[in-house]
Amino acid sequence: GSIFSFSYMAWHRQASGKQRDLVAAISSGGSGGSTYYADSVKGRF
């Protein structure tokens, strides 16, 4: 739809019957960007 340029992009997941939770995120700020991971996926995703 337009050129992809982001300040923030994230992956969320929603299991059946559960709330939608943040899994991982990447941002363009700071020192060339940064990442975040939920504790449940650190080291795997």
PDB file of all heavy atoms in Angstrom:
ATOM      1  N   GLY A   1       0.796  -1.217   0.000  1.00  0.00           N
ATOM      2  CA  GLY A   1       0.000   0.000   0.000  1.00  0.00           C
ATOM      3  C   GLY A   1       0.832   1.272   0.000  1.00  0.00           C
ATOM      4  O   GLY A   1       0.398   2.284  -0.529  1.00  0.00           O
ATOM      5  N   SER A   2       2.003   1.211   0.600  1.00  0.00           N
ATOM      6  CA  SER A   2       2.960   2.298   0.585  1.00  0.00           C
ATOM      7  C   SER A   2       4.309   1.744   0.984  1.00  0.00           C
ATOM      8  O   SER A   2       4.413   0.585   1.406  1.00  0.00           O
ATOM      9  CB  SER A   2       2.528   3.448   1.510  1.00  0.00           C
ATOM     10  OG  SER A   2       2.511   3.024   2.853  1.00  0.00           O
ATOM     11  N   ILE A   3       5.329   2.568   0.864  1.00  0.00           N
ATOM     12  CA  ILE A   3       6.660   2.116   1.227  1.00  0.00           C
ATOM     13  C   ILE A   3       6.699   1.743   2.705  1.00  0.00           C
ATOM     14  O   ILE A   3       6.077   2.396   3.548  1.00  0.00           O
ATOM     15  CB  ILE A   3       7.731   3.178   0.899  1.00  0.00           C
ATOM     16  CG1 ILE A   3       9.133   2.610   1.083  1.00  0.00           C
ATOM     17  CG2 ILE A   3       7.508   4.435   1.753  1.00  0.00           C
ATOM     18  CD1 ILE A   3      10.228   3.493   0.525  1.00  0.00           C
ATOM     19  N   PHE A   4       7.414   0.666   2.997  1.00  0.00           N
ATOM     20  CA  PHE A   4       7.507   0.177   4.362  1.00  0.00           C
ATOM     21  C   PHE A   4       8.586   0.944   5.103  1.00  0.00           C
ATOM     22  O   PHE A   4       9.785   0.792   4.819  1.00  0.00           O
ATOM     23  CB  PHE A   4       7.812  -1.321   4.370  1.00  0.00           C
ATOM     24  CG  PHE A   4       7.823  -1.927   5.740  1.00  0.00           C
ATOM     25  CD1 PHE A   4       6.645  -2.047   6.463  1.00  0.00           C
ATOM     26  CD2 PHE A   4       8.997  -2.391   6.303  1.00  0.00           C
ATOM     27  CE1 PHE A   4       6.643  -2.603   7.734  1.00  0.00           C
ATOM     28  CE2 PHE A   4       9.015  -2.958   7.563  1.00  0.00           C
ATOM     29  CZ  PHE A   4       7.838  -3.062   8.279  1.00  0.00           C
ATOM     30  N   SER A   5       8.137   1.761   6.026  1.00  0.00           N
ATOM     31  CA  SER A   5       9.039   2.506   6.893  1.00  0.00           C
ATOM     32  C   SER A   5       8.390   2.535   8.260  1.00  0.00           C
ATOM     33  O   SER A   5       7.236   2.955   8.390  1.00  0.00           O
ATOM     34  CB  SER A   5       9.261   3.920   6.362  1.00  0.00           C
ATOM     35  OG  SER A   5      10.110   4.649   7.217  1.00  0.00           O
ATOM     36  N   PHE A   6       9.102   2.060   9.263  1.00  0.00           N
ATOM     37  CA  PHE A   6       8.461   1.875  10.553  1.00  0.00           C
ATOM     38  C   PHE A   6       9.240   2.532  11.671  1.00  0.00           C
ATOM     39  O   PHE A   6      10.467   2.664  11.610  1.00  0.00           O
ATOM     40  CB  PHE A   6       8.275   0.383  10.869  1.00  0.00           C
ATOM     41  CG  PHE A   6       9.560  -0.354  11.150  1.00  0.00           C
ATOM     42  CD1 PHE A   6      10.047  -0.448  12.435  1.00  0.00           C
ATOM     43  CD2 PHE A   6      10.271  -0.960  10.129  1.00  0.00           C
ATOM     44  CE1 PHE A   6      11.225  -1.134  12.715  1.00  0.00           C
ATOM     45  CE2 PHE A   6      11.456  -1.646  10.396  1.00  0.00           C
ATOM     46  CZ  PHE A   6      11.927  -1.724  11.691  1.00  0.00           C
ATOM     47  N   SER A   7       8.499   2.916  12.691  1.00  0.00           N
ATOM     48  CA  SER A   7       9.082   3.279  13.972  1.00  0.00           C
ATOM     49  C   SER A   7       9.088   2.089  14.923  1.00  0.00           C
ATOM     50  O   SER A   7       9.966   1.985  15.782  1.00  0.00           O
ATOM     51  CB  SER A   7       8.303   4.435  14.602  1.00  0.00           C
ATOM     52  OG  SER A   7       8.365   5.587  13.793  1.00  0.00           O
ATOM     53  N   TYR A   8       8.113   1.217  14.760  1.00  0.00           N
ATOM     54  CA  TYR A   8       7.913   0.094  15.670  1.00  0.00           C
ATOM     55  C   TYR A   8       7.181  -1.002  14.923  1.00  0.00           C
ATOM     56  O   TYR A   8       6.210  -0.733  14.215  1.00  0.00           O
ATOM     57  CB  TYR A   8       7.095   0.567  16.869  1.00  0.00           C
ATOM     58  CG  TYR A   8       6.657  -0.491  17.843  1.00  0.00           C
ATOM     59  CD1 TYR A   8       7.429  -0.810  18.954  1.00  0.00           C
ATOM     60  CD2 TYR A   8       5.441  -1.143  17.679  1.00  0.00           C
ATOM     61  CE1 TYR A   8       7.010  -1.761  19.869  1.00  0.00           C
ATOM     62  CE2 TYR A   8       5.012  -2.103  18.587  1.00  0.00           C
ATOM     63  CZ  TYR A   8       5.801  -2.402  19.682  1.00  0.00           C
ATOM     64  OH  TYR A   8       5.380  -3.346  20.588  1.00  0.00           O
ATOM     65  N   MET A   9       7.635  -2.242  15.076  1.00  0.00           N
ATOM     66  CA  MET A   9       6.944  -3.388  14.517  1.00  0.00           C
ATOM     67  C   MET A   9       6.999  -4.511  15.532  1.00  0.00           C
ATOM     68  O   MET A   9       8.038  -4.720  16.172  1.00  0.00           O
ATOM     69  CB  MET A   9       7.574  -3.830  13.197  1.00  0.00           C
ATOM     70  CG  MET A   9       6.872  -4.994  12.521  1.00  0.00           C
ATOM     71  SD  MET A   9       5.197  -4.573  11.946  1.00  0.00           S
ATOM     72  CE  MET A   9       5.592  -3.577  10.525  1.00  0.00           C
ATOM     73  N   ALA A  10       5.888  -5.213  15.678  1.00  0.00           N
ATOM     74  CA  ALA A  10       5.798  -6.237  16.706  1.00  0.00           C
ATOM     75  C   ALA A  10       5.052  -7.456  16.201  1.00  0.00           C
ATOM     76  O   ALA A  10       4.242  -7.383  15.270  1.00  0.00           O
ATOM     77  CB  ALA A  10       5.098  -5.687  17.952  1.00  0.00           C
ATOM     78  N   TRP A  11       5.336  -8.576  16.837  1.00  0.00           N
ATOM     79  CA  TRP A  11       4.559  -9.791  16.690  1.00  0.00           C
ATOM     80  C   TRP A  11       3.802 -10.043  17.981  1.00  0.00           C
ATOM     81  O   TRP A  11       4.378  -9.987  19.073  1.00  0.00           O
ATOM     82  CB  TRP A  11       5.446 -10.997  16.377  1.00  0.00           C
ATOM     83  CG  TRP A  11       5.980 -11.007  14.987  1.00  0.00           C
ATOM     84  CD1 TRP A  11       7.195 -10.553  14.564  1.00  0.00           C
ATOM     85  CD2 TRP A  11       5.312 -11.515  13.830  1.00  0.00           C
ATOM     86  NE1 TRP A  11       7.332 -10.739  13.210  1.00  0.00           N
ATOM     87  CE2 TRP A  11       6.187 -11.329  12.736  1.00  0.00           C
ATOM     88  CE3 TRP A  11       4.075 -12.111  13.607  1.00  0.00           C
ATOM     89  CZ2 TRP A  11       5.839 -11.725  11.438  1.00  0.00           C
ATOM     90  CZ3 TRP A  11       3.737 -12.488  12.321  1.00  0.00           C
ATOM     91  CH2 TRP A  11       4.617 -12.293  11.256  1.00  0.00           C
ATOM     92  N   HIS A  12       2.515 -10.303  17.843  1.00  0.00           N
ATOM     93  CA  HIS A  12       1.649 -10.701  18.945  1.00  0.00           C
ATOM     94  C   HIS A  12       1.082 -12.081  18.650  1.00  0.00           C
ATOM     95  O   HIS A  12       1.065 -12.519  17.496  1.00  0.00           O
ATOM     96  CB  HIS A  12       0.486  -9.718  19.123  1.00  0.00           C
ATOM     97  CG  HIS A  12       0.895  -8.337  19.525  1.00  0.00           C
ATOM     98  ND1 HIS A  12       0.522  -7.781  20.739  1.00  0.00           N
ATOM     99  CD2 HIS A  12       1.621  -7.391  18.881  1.00  0.00           C
ATOM    100  CE1 HIS A  12       1.000  -6.556  20.813  1.00  0.00           C
ATOM    101  NE2 HIS A  12       1.673  -6.294  19.702  1.00  0.00           N
ATOM    102  N   ARG A  13       0.609 -12.757  19.691  1.00  0.00           N
ATOM    103  CA  ARG A  13      -0.069 -14.018  19.473  1.00  0.00           C
ATOM    104  C   ARG A  13      -1.272 -14.138  20.392  1.00  0.00           C
ATOM    105  O   ARG A  13      -1.306 -13.570  21.480  1.00  0.00           O
ATOM    106  CB  ARG A  13       0.869 -15.213  19.664  1.00  0.00           C
ATOM    107  CG  ARG A  13       1.363 -15.424  21.086  1.00  0.00           C
ATOM    108  CD  ARG A  13       2.399 -16.544  21.111  1.00  0.00           C
ATOM    109  NE  ARG A  13       2.888 -16.808  22.459  1.00  0.00           N
ATOM    110  CZ  ARG A  13       3.894 -17.633  22.725  1.00  0.00           C
ATOM    111  NH1 ARG A  13       4.523 -18.266  21.744  1.00  0.00           N
ATOM    112  NH2 ARG A  13       4.267 -17.811  23.992  1.00  0.00           N
ATOM    113  N   GLN A  14      -2.253 -14.903  19.927  1.00  0.00           N
ATOM    114  CA  GLN A  14      -3.486 -15.104  20.672  1.00  0.00           C
ATOM    115  C   GLN A  14      -3.873 -16.572  20.581  1.00  0.00           C
ATOM    116  O   GLN A  14      -4.260 -17.056  19.514  1.00  0.00           O
ATOM    117  CB  GLN A  14      -4.603 -14.216  20.133  1.00  0.00           C
ATOM    118  CG  GLN A  14      -5.879 -14.276  20.949  1.00  0.00           C
ATOM    119  CD  GLN A  14      -6.852 -13.179  20.570  1.00  0.00           C
ATOM    120  OE1 GLN A  14      -6.795 -12.648  19.461  1.00  0.00           O
ATOM    121  NE2 GLN A  14      -7.741 -12.832  21.484  1.00  0.00           N
ATOM    122  N   ALA A  15      -3.757 -17.270  21.698  1.00  0.00           N
ATOM    123  CA  ALA A  15      -4.196 -18.647  21.774  1.00  0.00           C
ATOM    124  C   ALA A  15      -5.711 -18.686  21.924  1.00  0.00           C
ATOM    125  O   ALA A  15      -6.340 -17.724  22.378  1.00  0.00           O
ATOM    126  CB  ALA A  15      -3.527 -19.361  22.941  1.00  0.00           C
ATOM    127  N   SER A  16      -6.307 -19.798  21.554  1.00  0.00           N
ATOM    128  CA  SER A  16      -7.756 -19.946  21.614  1.00  0.00           C
ATOM    129  C   SER A  16      -8.262 -19.667  23.028  1.00  0.00           C
ATOM    130  O   SER A  16      -7.786 -20.262  23.995  1.00  0.00           O
ATOM    131  CB  SER A  16      -8.153 -21.354  21.186  1.00  0.00           C
ATOM    132  OG  SER A  16      -9.548 -21.518  21.200  1.00  0.00           O
ATOM    133  N   GLY A  17      -9.208 -18.739  23.134  1.00  0.00           N
ATOM    134  CA  GLY A  17      -9.796 -18.398  24.414  1.00  0.00           C
ATOM    135  C   GLY A  17      -8.951 -17.500  25.297  1.00  0.00           C
ATOM    136  O   GLY A  17      -9.341 -17.243  26.438  1.00  0.00           O
ATOM    137  N   LYS A  18      -7.818 -17.028  24.803  1.00  0.00           N
ATOM    138  CA  LYS A  18      -6.891 -16.224  25.596  1.00  0.00           C
ATOM    139  C   LYS A  18      -6.752 -14.822  25.023  1.00  0.00           C
ATOM    140  O   LYS A  18      -7.186 -14.532  23.906  1.00  0.00           O
ATOM    141  CB  LYS A  18      -5.517 -16.894  25.665  1.00  0.00           C
ATOM    142  CG  LYS A  18      -5.527 -18.303  26.234  1.00  0.00           C
ATOM    143  CD  LYS A  18      -5.943 -18.308  27.693  1.00  0.00           C
ATOM    144  CE  LYS A  18      -5.897 -19.720  28.264  1.00  0.00           C
ATOM    145  NZ  LYS A  18      -4.522 -20.288  28.253  1.00  0.00           N
ATOM    146  N   GLN A  19      -6.135 -13.939  25.797  1.00  0.00           N
ATOM    147  CA  GLN A  19      -5.862 -12.585  25.351  1.00  0.00           C
ATOM    148  C   GLN A  19      -4.712 -12.569  24.349  1.00  0.00           C
ATOM    149  O   GLN A  19      -3.899 -13.496  24.288  1.00  0.00           O
ATOM    150  CB  GLN A  19      -5.501 -11.683  26.535  1.00  0.00           C
ATOM    151  CG  GLN A  19      -6.616 -11.485  27.520  1.00  0.00           C
ATOM    152  CD  GLN A  19      -6.277 -10.498  28.614  1.00  0.00           C
ATOM    153  OE1 GLN A  19      -7.061 -10.288  29.523  1.00  0.00           O
ATOM    154  NE2 GLN A  19      -5.110  -9.875  28.532  1.00  0.00           N
ATOM    155  N   ARG A  20      -4.662 -11.500  23.569  1.00  0.00           N
ATOM    156  CA  ARG A  20      -3.566 -11.300  22.640  1.00  0.00           C
ATOM    157  C   ARG A  20      -2.379 -10.700  23.383  1.00  0.00           C
ATOM    158  O   ARG A  20      -2.507  -9.659  24.030  1.00  0.00           O
ATOM    159  CB  ARG A  20      -4.008 -10.385  21.501  1.00  0.00           C
ATOM    160  CG  ARG A  20      -2.998 -10.268  20.374  1.00  0.00           C
ATOM    161  CD  ARG A  20      -3.556  -9.447  19.208  1.00  0.00           C
ATOM    162  NE  ARG A  20      -4.744 -10.051  18.631  1.00  0.00           N
ATOM    163  CZ  ARG A  20      -5.361  -9.597  17.544  1.00  0.00           C
ATOM    164  NH1 ARG A  20      -4.893  -8.537  16.910  1.00  0.00           N
ATOM    165  NH2 ARG A  20      -6.446 -10.207  17.107  1.00  0.00           N
ATOM    166  N   ASP A  21      -1.221 -11.348  23.286  1.00  0.00           N
ATOM    167  CA  ASP A  21      -0.037 -10.957  24.034  1.00  0.00           C
ATOM    168  C   ASP A  21       1.113 -10.602  23.099  1.00  0.00           C
ATOM    169  O   ASP A  21       1.271 -11.182  22.023  1.00  0.00           O
ATOM    170  CB  ASP A  21       0.421 -12.080  24.964  1.00  0.00           C
ATOM    171  CG  ASP A  21      -0.554 -12.367  26.081  1.00  0.00           C
ATOM    172  OD1 ASP A  21      -1.223 -11.428  26.544  1.00  0.00           O
ATOM    173  OD2 ASP A  21      -0.645 -13.535  26.511  1.00  0.00           O
ATOM    174  N   LEU A  22       1.933  -9.672  23.540  1.00  0.00           N
ATOM    175  CA  LEU A  22       3.135  -9.288  22.808  1.00  0.00           C
ATOM    176  C   LEU A  22       4.177 -10.391  22.897  1.00  0.00           C
ATOM    177  O   LEU A  22       4.475 -10.894  23.981  1.00  0.00           O
ATOM    178  CB  LEU A  22       3.690  -7.988  23.374  1.00  0.00           C
ATOM    179  CG  LEU A  22       5.006  -7.478  22.783  1.00  0.00           C
ATOM    180  CD1 LEU A  22       4.842  -7.145  21.306  1.00  0.00           C
ATOM    181  CD2 LEU A  22       5.493  -6.263  23.566  1.00  0.00           C
ATOM    182  N   VAL A  23       4.753 -10.756  21.758  1.00  0.00           N
ATOM    183  CA  VAL A  23       5.781 -11.783  21.673  1.00  0.00           C
ATOM    184  C   VAL A  23       7.159 -11.170  21.459  1.00  0.00           C
ATOM    185  O   VAL A  23       8.125 -11.516  22.146  1.00  0.00           O
ATOM    186  CB  VAL A  23       5.466 -12.774  20.543  1.00  0.00           C
ATOM    187  CG1 VAL A  23       6.598 -13.776  20.367  1.00  0.00           C
ATOM    188  CG2 VAL A  23       4.152 -13.496  20.823  1.00  0.00           C
ATOM    189  N   ALA A  24       7.276 -10.276  20.483  1.00  0.00           N
ATOM    190  CA  ALA A  24       8.552  -9.679  20.129  1.00  0.00           C
ATOM    191  C   ALA A  24       8.303  -8.361  19.431  1.00  0.00           C
ATOM    192  O   ALA A  24       7.253  -8.164  18.813  1.00  0.00           O
ATOM    193  CB  ALA A  24       9.372 -10.608  19.228  1.00  0.00           C
ATOM    194  N   ALA A  25       9.264  -7.461  19.513  1.00  0.00           N
ATOM    195  CA  ALA A  25       9.134  -6.158  18.885  1.00  0.00           C
ATOM    196  C   ALA A  25      10.487  -5.664  18.435  1.00  0.00           C
ATOM    197  O   ALA A  25      11.528  -6.039  19.005  1.00  0.00           O
ATOM    198  CB  ALA A  25       8.496  -5.152  19.844  1.00  0.00           C
ATOM    199  N   ILE A  26      10.469  -4.823  17.421  1.00  0.00           N
ATOM    200  CA  ILE A  26      11.676  -4.186  16.926  1.00  0.00           C
ATOM    201  C   ILE A  26      11.345  -2.732  16.652  1.00  0.00           C
ATOM    202  O   ILE A  26      10.288  -2.416  16.111  1.00  0.00           O
ATOM    203  CB  ILE A  26      12.234  -4.911  15.678  1.00  0.00           C
ATOM    204  CG1 ILE A  26      13.582  -4.328  15.254  1.00  0.00           C
ATOM    205  CG2 ILE A  26      11.232  -4.887  14.528  1.00  0.00           C
ATOM    206  CD1 ILE A  26      14.320  -5.222  14.254  1.00  0.00           C
ATOM    207  N   SER A  27      12.248  -1.837  17.044  1.00  0.00           N
ATOM    208  CA  SER A  27      12.048  -0.411  16.860  1.00  0.00           C
ATOM    209  C   SER A  27      13.235   0.193  16.139  1.00  0.00           C
ATOM    210  O   SER A  27      14.330  -0.395  16.099  1.00  0.00           O
ATOM    211  CB  SER A  27      11.823   0.293  18.196  1.00  0.00           C
ATOM    212  OG  SER A  27      12.985   0.225  19.007  1.00  0.00           O
ATOM    213  N   SER A  28      13.015   1.380  15.586  1.00  0.00           N
ATOM    214  CA  SER A  28      14.053   2.054  14.804  1.00  0.00           C
ATOM    215  C   SER A  28      14.781   3.124  15.591  1.00  0.00           C
ATOM    216  O   SER A  28      15.650   3.797  15.045  1.00  0.00           O
ATOM    217  CB  SER A  28      13.438   2.673  13.553  1.00  0.00           C
ATOM    218  OG  SER A  28      12.451   3.626  13.895  1.00  0.00           O
ATOM    219  N   GLY A  29      14.439   3.302  16.845  1.00  0.00           N
ATOM    220  CA  GLY A  29      15.043   4.342  17.646  1.00  0.00           C
ATOM    221  C   GLY A  29      16.398   3.957  18.208  1.00  0.00           C
ATOM    222  O   GLY A  29      16.874   2.833  18.039  1.00  0.00           O
ATOM    223  N   GLY A  30      17.013   4.920  18.857  1.00  0.00           N
ATOM    224  CA  GLY A  30      18.261   4.678  19.564  1.00  0.00           C
ATOM    225  C   GLY A  30      19.417   4.280  18.663  1.00  0.00           C
ATOM    226  O   GLY A  30      19.556   4.774  17.547  1.00  0.00           O
ATOM    227  N   SER A  31      20.219   3.367  19.151  1.00  0.00           N
ATOM    228  CA  SER A  31      21.450   2.949  18.486  1.00  0.00           C
ATOM    229  C   SER A  31      21.173   1.958  17.361  1.00  0.00           C
ATOM    230  O   SER A  31      21.501   0.766  17.464  1.00  0.00           O
ATOM    231  CB  SER A  31      22.418   2.358  19.502  1.00  0.00           C
ATOM    232  OG  SER A  31      21.812   1.261  20.179  1.00  0.00           O
ATOM    233  N   GLY A  32      20.569   2.449  16.290  1.00  0.00           N
ATOM    234  CA  GLY A  32      20.270   1.610  15.149  1.00  0.00           C
ATOM    235  C   GLY A  32      19.105   0.662  15.356  1.00  0.00           C
ATOM    236  O   GLY A  32      18.961  -0.315  14.618  1.00  0.00           O
ATOM    237  N   GLY A  33      18.276   0.950  16.342  1.00  0.00           N
ATOM    238  CA  GLY A  33      17.136   0.106  16.628  1.00  0.00           C
ATOM    239  C   GLY A  33      17.382  -0.806  17.812  1.00  0.00           C
ATOM    240  O   GLY A  33      18.517  -0.963  18.284  1.00  0.00           O
ATOM    241  N   SER A  34      16.302  -1.413  18.292  1.00  0.00           N
ATOM    242  CA  SER A  34      16.393  -2.322  19.424  1.00  0.00           C
ATOM    243  C   SER A  34      15.300  -3.367  19.308  1.00  0.00           C
ATOM    244  O   SER A  34      14.349  -3.206  18.540  1.00  0.00           O
ATOM    245  CB  SER A  34      16.280  -1.567  20.746  1.00  0.00           C
ATOM    246  OG  SER A  34      15.034  -0.903  20.841  1.00  0.00           O
ATOM    247  N   THR A  35      15.446  -4.440  20.077  1.00  0.00           N
ATOM    248  CA  THR A  35      14.476  -5.526  20.062  1.00  0.00           C
ATOM    249  C   THR A  35      14.010  -5.837  21.470  1.00  0.00           C
ATOM    250  O   THR A  35      14.692  -5.550  22.458  1.00  0.00           O
ATOM    251  CB  THR A  35      15.052  -6.799  19.424  1.00  0.00           C
ATOM    252  OG1 THR A  35      16.236  -7.194  20.124  1.00  0.00           O
ATOM    253  CG2 THR A  35      15.390  -6.569  17.961  1.00  0.00           C
ATOM    254  N   TYR A  36      12.844  -6.442  21.537  1.00  0.00           N
ATOM    255  CA  TYR A  36      12.256  -6.881  22.794  1.00  0.00           C
ATOM    256  C   TYR A  36      11.675  -8.272  22.591  1.00  0.00           C
ATOM    257  O   TYR A  36      11.115  -8.572  21.528  1.00  0.00           O
ATOM    258  CB  TYR A  36      11.140  -5.923  23.234  1.00  0.00           C
ATOM    259  CG  TYR A  36      10.257  -6.501  24.316  1.00  0.00           C
ATOM    260  CD1 TYR A  36      10.619  -6.402  25.654  1.00  0.00           C
ATOM    261  CD2 TYR A  36       9.091  -7.174  23.999  1.00  0.00           C
ATOM    262  CE1 TYR A  36       9.831  -6.953  26.648  1.00  0.00           C
ATOM    263  CE2 TYR A  36       8.295  -7.730  24.981  1.00  0.00           C
ATOM    264  CZ  TYR A  36       8.673  -7.615  26.306  1.00  0.00           C
ATOM    265  OH  TYR A  36       7.884  -8.165  27.279  1.00  0.00           O
ATOM    266  N   TYR A  37      11.792  -9.111  23.619  1.00  0.00           N
ATOM    267  CA  TYR A  37      11.197 -10.437  23.588  1.00  0.00           C
ATOM    268  C   TYR A  37      10.497 -10.728  24.904  1.00  0.00           C
ATOM    269  O   TYR A  37      11.012 -10.398  25.978  1.00  0.00           O
ATOM    270  CB  TYR A  37      12.254 -11.513  23.355  1.00  0.00           C
ATOM    271  CG  TYR A  37      12.968 -11.365  22.034  1.00  0.00           C
ATOM    272  CD1 TYR A  37      14.189 -10.709  21.953  1.00  0.00           C
ATOM    273  CD2 TYR A  37      12.411 -11.872  20.870  1.00  0.00           C
ATOM    274  CE1 TYR A  37      14.836 -10.560  20.735  1.00  0.00           C
ATOM    275  CE2 TYR A  37      13.053 -11.724  19.656  1.00  0.00           C
ATOM    276  CZ  TYR A  37      14.259 -11.072  19.589  1.00  0.00           C
ATOM    277  OH  TYR A  37      14.902 -10.928  18.384  1.00  0.00           O
ATOM    278  N   ALA A  38       9.335 -11.345  24.806  1.00  0.00           N
ATOM    279  CA  ALA A  38       8.676 -11.851  25.999  1.00  0.00           C
ATOM    280  C   ALA A  38       9.534 -12.936  26.637  1.00  0.00           C
ATOM    281  O   ALA A  38      10.252 -13.670  25.950  1.00  0.00           O
ATOM    282  CB  ALA A  38       7.299 -12.407  25.642  1.00  0.00           C
ATOM    283  N   ASP A  39       9.455 -13.041  27.956  1.00  0.00           N
ATOM    284  CA  ASP A  39      10.255 -14.037  28.665  1.00  0.00           C
ATOM    285  C   ASP A  39      10.027 -15.451  28.128  1.00  0.00           C
ATOM    286  O   ASP A  39      10.958 -16.264  28.083  1.00  0.00           O
ATOM    287  CB  ASP A  39       9.946 -14.007  30.157  1.00  0.00           C
ATOM    288  CG  ASP A  39      10.504 -12.782  30.854  1.00  0.00           C
ATOM    289  OD1 ASP A  39      11.392 -12.116  30.299  1.00  0.00           O
ATOM    290  OD2 ASP A  39      10.055 -12.498  31.978  1.00  0.00           O
ATOM    291  N   SER A  40       8.810 -15.740  27.721  1.00  0.00           N
ATOM    292  CA  SER A  40       8.466 -17.082  27.280  1.00  0.00           C
ATOM    293  C   SER A  40       9.151 -17.490  25.980  1.00  0.00           C
ATOM    294  O   SER A  40       9.204 -18.684  25.665  1.00  0.00           O
ATOM    295  CB  SER A  40       6.951 -17.214  27.124  1.00  0.00           C
ATOM    296  OG  SER A  40       6.456 -16.278  26.189  1.00  0.00           O
ATOM    297  N   VAL A  41       9.665 -16.520  25.216  1.00  0.00           N
ATOM    298  CA  VAL A  41      10.273 -16.837  23.928  1.00  0.00           C
ATOM    299  C   VAL A  41      11.734 -16.435  23.835  1.00  0.00           C
ATOM    300  O   VAL A  41      12.377 -16.710  22.810  1.00  0.00           O
ATOM    301  CB  VAL A  41       9.487 -16.208  22.759  1.00  0.00           C
ATOM    302  CG1 VAL A  41       8.010 -16.592  22.836  1.00  0.00           C
ATOM    303  CG2 VAL A  41       9.648 -14.694  22.736  1.00  0.00           C
ATOM    304  N   LYS A  42      12.289 -15.810  24.861  1.00  0.00           N
ATOM    305  CA  LYS A  42      13.688 -15.403  24.838  1.00  0.00           C
ATOM    306  C   LYS A  42      14.591 -16.603  24.583  1.00  0.00           C
ATOM    307  O   LYS A  42      14.437 -17.654  25.191  1.00  0.00           O
ATOM    308  CB  LYS A  42      14.075 -14.737  26.150  1.00  0.00           C
ATOM    309  CG  LYS A  42      13.580 -13.316  26.293  1.00  0.00           C
ATOM    310  CD  LYS A  42      14.015 -12.716  27.629  1.00  0.00           C
ATOM    311  CE  LYS A  42      13.523 -11.291  27.772  1.00  0.00           C
ATOM    312  NZ  LYS A  42      13.848 -10.726  29.102  1.00  0.00           N
ATOM    313  N   GLY A  43      15.537 -16.416  23.676  1.00  0.00           N
ATOM    314  CA  GLY A  43      16.467 -17.473  23.332  1.00  0.00           C
ATOM    315  C   GLY A  43      15.956 -18.425  22.275  1.00  0.00           C
ATOM    316  O   GLY A  43      16.738 -19.238  21.756  1.00  0.00           O
ATOM    317  N   ARG A  44      14.671 -18.356  21.949  1.00  0.00           N
ATOM    318  CA  ARG A  44      14.076 -19.241  20.949  1.00  0.00           C
ATOM    319  C   ARG A  44      13.594 -18.504  19.708  1.00  0.00           C
ATOM    320  O   ARG A  44      13.654 -19.048  18.613  1.00  0.00           O
ATOM    321  CB  ARG A  44      12.895 -20.020  21.548  1.00  0.00           C
ATOM    322  CG  ARG A  44      13.269 -20.891  22.734  1.00  0.00           C
ATOM    323  CD  ARG A  44      12.111 -21.804  23.128  1.00  0.00           C
ATOM    324  NE  ARG A  44      10.933 -21.042  23.554  1.00  0.00           N
ATOM    325  CZ  ARG A  44       9.735 -21.109  22.976  1.00  0.00           C
ATOM    326  NH1 ARG A  44       9.541 -21.921  21.942  1.00  0.00           N
ATOM    327  NH2 ARG A  44       8.718 -20.393  23.447  1.00  0.00           N
ATOM    328  N   PHE A  45      13.079 -17.287  19.887  1.00  0.00           N
ATOM    329  CA  PHE A  45      12.520 -16.508  18.786  1.00  0.00           C
ATOM    330  C   PHE A  45      13.441 -15.341  18.463  1.00  0.00           C
ATOM    331  O   PHE A  45      14.081 -14.771  19.358  1.00  0.00           O
ATOM    332  CB  PHE A  45      11.148 -15.944  19.146  1.00  0.00           C
ATOM    333  CG  PHE A  45      10.041 -16.960  19.260  1.00  0.00           C
ATOM    334  CD1 PHE A  45      10.287 -18.320  19.319  1.00  0.00           C
ATOM    335  CD2 PHE A  45       8.728 -16.519  19.308  1.00  0.00           C
ATOM    336  CE1 PHE A  45       9.255 -19.241  19.425  1.00  0.00           C
ATOM    337  CE2 PHE A  45       7.681 -17.427  19.418  1.00  0.00           C
ATOM    338  CZ  PHE A  45       7.947 -18.786  19.474  1.00  0.00           C
TER     339      PHE A  45
END
